[in-house]
Amino acid sequence: MSEKKPFSYTYVSPERKTALPGDKHGGDKGRKLHGRPLLRAVLWGTGNCLLFGFGLTCVLEWSMFTAGILCG
């Protein structure tokens, strides 16, 4: 029997002429998010999700359509 080699695939965009982010054979390594930017992104996303939920509650539970639409 023959040995099985692992499958490897690399795509290069014809427009950009670079490999996909994180490709170990070159190309852009991608932008890693860590530290303060990560904390800021998590807090921003959580806050916006809570604000959207409040707007949804205004419309569905309390029938406050204007406040719900503004929050949403």
N, C-alpha and C. Protein backbone atom coordinates (compact mmCIF):
# COMPACT_ATOMS: atom_id res chain seq x y z
N MET A 1 0.83 -1.18 0.00
CA MET A 1 0.00 0.00 0.00
C MET A 1 0.88 1.25 0.00
N SER A 2 0.33 2.31 -0.49
CA SER A 2 1.07 3.56 -0.53
C SER A 2 0.74 4.41 0.69
N GLU A 3 1.68 5.28 1.05
CA GLU A 3 1.46 6.18 2.19
C GLU A 3 0.49 7.28 1.78
N LYS A 4 -0.38 7.68 2.71
CA LYS A 4 -1.32 8.75 2.43
C LYS A 4 -0.71 10.07 2.89
N LYS A 5 -0.71 11.04 2.01
CA LYS A 5 -0.20 12.36 2.34
C LYS A 5 -1.36 13.26 2.71
N PRO A 6 -1.16 14.20 3.65
CA PRO A 6 -2.26 15.10 4.02
C PRO A 6 -2.63 16.02 2.86
N PHE A 7 -3.91 16.34 2.78
CA PHE A 7 -4.41 17.20 1.71
C PHE A 7 -4.05 18.65 2.01
N SER A 8 -3.55 19.36 1.03
CA SER A 8 -3.20 20.77 1.19
C SER A 8 -3.76 21.54 0.00
N TYR A 9 -4.35 22.71 0.29
CA TYR A 9 -4.96 23.51 -0.76
C TYR A 9 -4.66 24.97 -0.50
N THR A 10 -4.21 25.68 -1.50
CA THR A 10 -3.93 27.11 -1.39
C THR A 10 -4.66 27.84 -2.50
N TYR A 11 -5.40 28.89 -2.13
CA TYR A 11 -6.13 29.68 -3.11
C TYR A 11 -5.50 31.06 -3.18
N VAL A 12 -5.26 31.54 -4.37
CA VAL A 12 -4.74 32.88 -4.58
C VAL A 12 -5.75 33.64 -5.43
N SER A 13 -6.20 34.77 -4.91
CA SER A 13 -7.19 35.57 -5.61
C SER A 13 -6.58 36.18 -6.86
N PRO A 14 -7.26 36.11 -8.00
CA PRO A 14 -6.70 36.70 -9.21
C PRO A 14 -6.66 38.23 -9.14
N GLU A 15 -7.57 38.83 -8.36
CA GLU A 15 -7.59 40.28 -8.27
C GLU A 15 -6.48 40.81 -7.35
N ARG A 16 -6.26 40.14 -6.22
CA ARG A 16 -5.32 40.65 -5.23
C ARG A 16 -3.93 40.07 -5.38
N LYS A 17 -3.81 38.94 -6.02
CA LYS A 17 -2.52 38.27 -6.22
C LYS A 17 -1.83 37.93 -4.90
N THR A 18 -2.62 37.71 -3.85
CA THR A 18 -2.06 37.29 -2.56
C THR A 18 -2.86 36.11 -2.04
N ALA A 19 -2.26 35.38 -1.16
CA ALA A 19 -2.92 34.24 -0.56
C ALA A 19 -3.90 34.71 0.51
N LEU A 20 -4.76 33.80 0.93
CA LEU A 20 -5.73 34.12 1.96
C LEU A 20 -5.04 34.38 3.30
N PRO A 21 -5.68 35.17 4.21
CA PRO A 21 -5.08 35.43 5.51
C PRO A 21 -4.83 34.14 6.28
N GLY A 22 -3.69 34.10 6.94
CA GLY A 22 -3.35 32.93 7.74
C GLY A 22 -2.69 31.83 6.94
N ASP A 23 -2.46 32.05 5.66
CA ASP A 23 -1.82 31.04 4.84
C ASP A 23 -0.36 30.91 5.25
N LYS A 24 0.08 29.67 5.52
CA LYS A 24 1.45 29.48 5.98
C LYS A 24 2.48 29.54 4.84
N HIS A 25 2.01 29.65 3.61
CA HIS A 25 2.92 29.72 2.48
C HIS A 25 3.12 31.15 1.99
N GLY A 26 2.79 32.13 2.80
CA GLY A 26 2.98 33.52 2.39
C GLY A 26 1.67 34.25 2.38
N GLY A 27 1.71 35.48 1.95
CA GLY A 27 0.51 36.28 1.91
C GLY A 27 0.29 37.02 3.22
N ASP A 28 -0.83 37.67 3.30
CA ASP A 28 -1.16 38.45 4.48
C ASP A 28 -1.48 37.51 5.64
N LYS A 29 -0.95 37.80 6.80
CA LYS A 29 -1.20 36.96 7.97
C LYS A 29 -2.51 37.30 8.66
N GLY A 30 -3.18 38.34 8.24
CA GLY A 30 -4.43 38.72 8.86
C GLY A 30 -4.19 39.61 10.07
N ARG A 31 -5.21 40.30 10.49
CA ARG A 31 -5.08 41.21 11.62
C ARG A 31 -5.61 40.53 12.87
N LYS A 32 -4.77 40.41 13.88
CA LYS A 32 -5.18 39.78 15.12
C LYS A 32 -5.68 40.83 16.08
N LEU A 33 -6.76 40.51 16.76
CA LEU A 33 -7.38 41.44 17.68
C LEU A 33 -7.10 40.95 19.10
N HIS A 34 -6.39 41.74 19.89
CA HIS A 34 -6.10 41.36 21.27
C HIS A 34 -5.88 42.62 22.10
N GLY A 35 -5.95 42.47 23.40
CA GLY A 35 -5.72 43.60 24.30
C GLY A 35 -6.91 44.54 24.36
N ARG A 36 -6.60 45.84 24.39
CA ARG A 36 -7.65 46.86 24.50
C ARG A 36 -8.63 46.87 23.33
N PRO A 37 -8.19 46.71 22.08
CA PRO A 37 -9.18 46.69 20.99
C PRO A 37 -10.18 45.54 21.13
N LEU A 38 -9.72 44.39 21.61
CA LEU A 38 -10.63 43.27 21.81
C LEU A 38 -11.65 43.60 22.90
N LEU A 39 -11.18 44.15 24.00
CA LEU A 39 -12.09 44.52 25.09
C LEU A 39 -13.10 45.55 24.62
N ARG A 40 -12.64 46.54 23.87
CA ARG A 40 -13.52 47.58 23.34
C ARG A 40 -14.57 46.97 22.40
N ALA A 41 -14.17 46.04 21.56
CA ALA A 41 -15.10 45.41 20.62
C ALA A 41 -16.14 44.57 21.36
N VAL A 42 -15.71 43.85 22.39
CA VAL A 42 -16.65 43.02 23.15
C VAL A 42 -17.64 43.90 23.89
N LEU A 43 -17.15 44.96 24.53
CA LEU A 43 -18.05 45.86 25.26
C LEU A 43 -19.01 46.58 24.32
N TRP A 44 -18.52 47.01 23.17
CA TRP A 44 -19.36 47.69 22.19
C TRP A 44 -20.46 46.75 21.69
N GLY A 45 -20.11 45.53 21.35
CA GLY A 45 -21.08 44.56 20.88
C GLY A 45 -22.10 44.20 21.94
N THR A 46 -21.66 44.03 23.18
CA THR A 46 -22.57 43.70 24.27
C THR A 46 -23.53 44.85 24.54
N GLY A 47 -23.01 46.06 24.57
CA GLY A 47 -23.86 47.23 24.80
C GLY A 47 -24.90 47.42 23.71
N ASN A 48 -24.49 47.24 22.48
CA ASN A 48 -25.44 47.37 21.37
C ASN A 48 -26.49 46.27 21.38
N CYS A 49 -26.10 45.08 21.78
CA CYS A 49 -27.06 43.98 21.87
C CYS A 49 -28.09 44.27 22.96
N LEU A 50 -27.65 44.80 24.10
CA LEU A 50 -28.58 45.15 25.18
C LEU A 50 -29.51 46.29 24.76
N LEU A 51 -28.97 47.27 24.05
CA LEU A 51 -29.80 48.38 23.57
C LEU A 51 -30.85 47.89 22.58
N PHE A 52 -30.47 47.00 21.68
CA PHE A 52 -31.41 46.44 20.73
C PHE A 52 -32.48 45.63 21.45
N GLY A 53 -32.08 44.85 22.45
CA GLY A 53 -33.03 44.07 23.24
C GLY A 53 -34.01 44.96 23.98
N PHE A 54 -33.53 46.09 24.49
CA PHE A 54 -34.42 47.03 25.16
C PHE A 54 -35.44 47.60 24.18
N GLY A 55 -34.99 47.93 22.98
CA GLY A 55 -35.91 48.44 21.96
C GLY A 55 -36.94 47.40 21.56
N LEU A 56 -36.52 46.16 21.47
CA LEU A 56 -37.44 45.08 21.13
C LEU A 56 -38.47 44.88 22.25
N THR A 57 -38.02 44.99 23.49
CA THR A 57 -38.94 44.88 24.62
C THR A 57 -39.93 46.03 24.63
N CYS A 58 -39.47 47.23 24.32
CA CYS A 58 -40.38 48.39 24.27
C CYS A 58 -41.52 48.15 23.28
N VAL A 59 -41.19 47.61 22.13
CA VAL A 59 -42.20 47.41 21.09
C VAL A 59 -43.11 46.24 21.42
N LEU A 60 -42.52 45.11 21.81
CA LEU A 60 -43.33 43.89 21.96
C LEU A 60 -44.08 43.80 23.28
N GLU A 61 -43.50 44.27 24.37
CA GLU A 61 -44.13 44.10 25.67
C GLU A 61 -44.90 45.33 26.12
N TRP A 62 -44.33 46.50 25.89
CA TRP A 62 -44.92 47.72 26.45
C TRP A 62 -45.64 48.57 25.41
N SER A 63 -45.61 48.21 24.17
CA SER A 63 -46.24 48.92 23.05
C SER A 63 -45.78 50.38 22.97
N MET A 64 -44.53 50.61 23.28
CA MET A 64 -43.93 51.94 23.15
C MET A 64 -43.16 51.94 21.82
N PHE A 65 -43.89 52.18 20.74
CA PHE A 65 -43.30 52.01 19.42
C PHE A 65 -42.21 53.03 19.11
N THR A 66 -42.41 54.29 19.50
CA THR A 66 -41.41 55.32 19.18
C THR A 66 -40.09 55.03 19.88
N ALA A 67 -40.13 54.73 21.17
CA ALA A 67 -38.89 54.44 21.91
C ALA A 67 -38.25 53.16 21.40
N GLY A 68 -39.06 52.17 21.07
CA GLY A 68 -38.54 50.90 20.56
C GLY A 68 -37.86 51.05 19.22
N ILE A 69 -38.46 51.85 18.34
CA ILE A 69 -37.86 52.06 17.02
C ILE A 69 -36.56 52.84 17.16
N LEU A 70 -36.52 53.83 18.02
CA LEU A 70 -35.29 54.61 18.21
C LEU A 70 -34.17 53.76 18.81
N CYS A 71 -34.50 52.92 19.76
CA CYS A 71 -33.47 52.04 20.36
C CYS A 71 -33.03 50.96 19.38
N GLY A 72 -33.97 50.46 18.61
CA GLY A 72 -33.64 49.37 17.66
C GLY A 72 -32.79 49.88 16.54
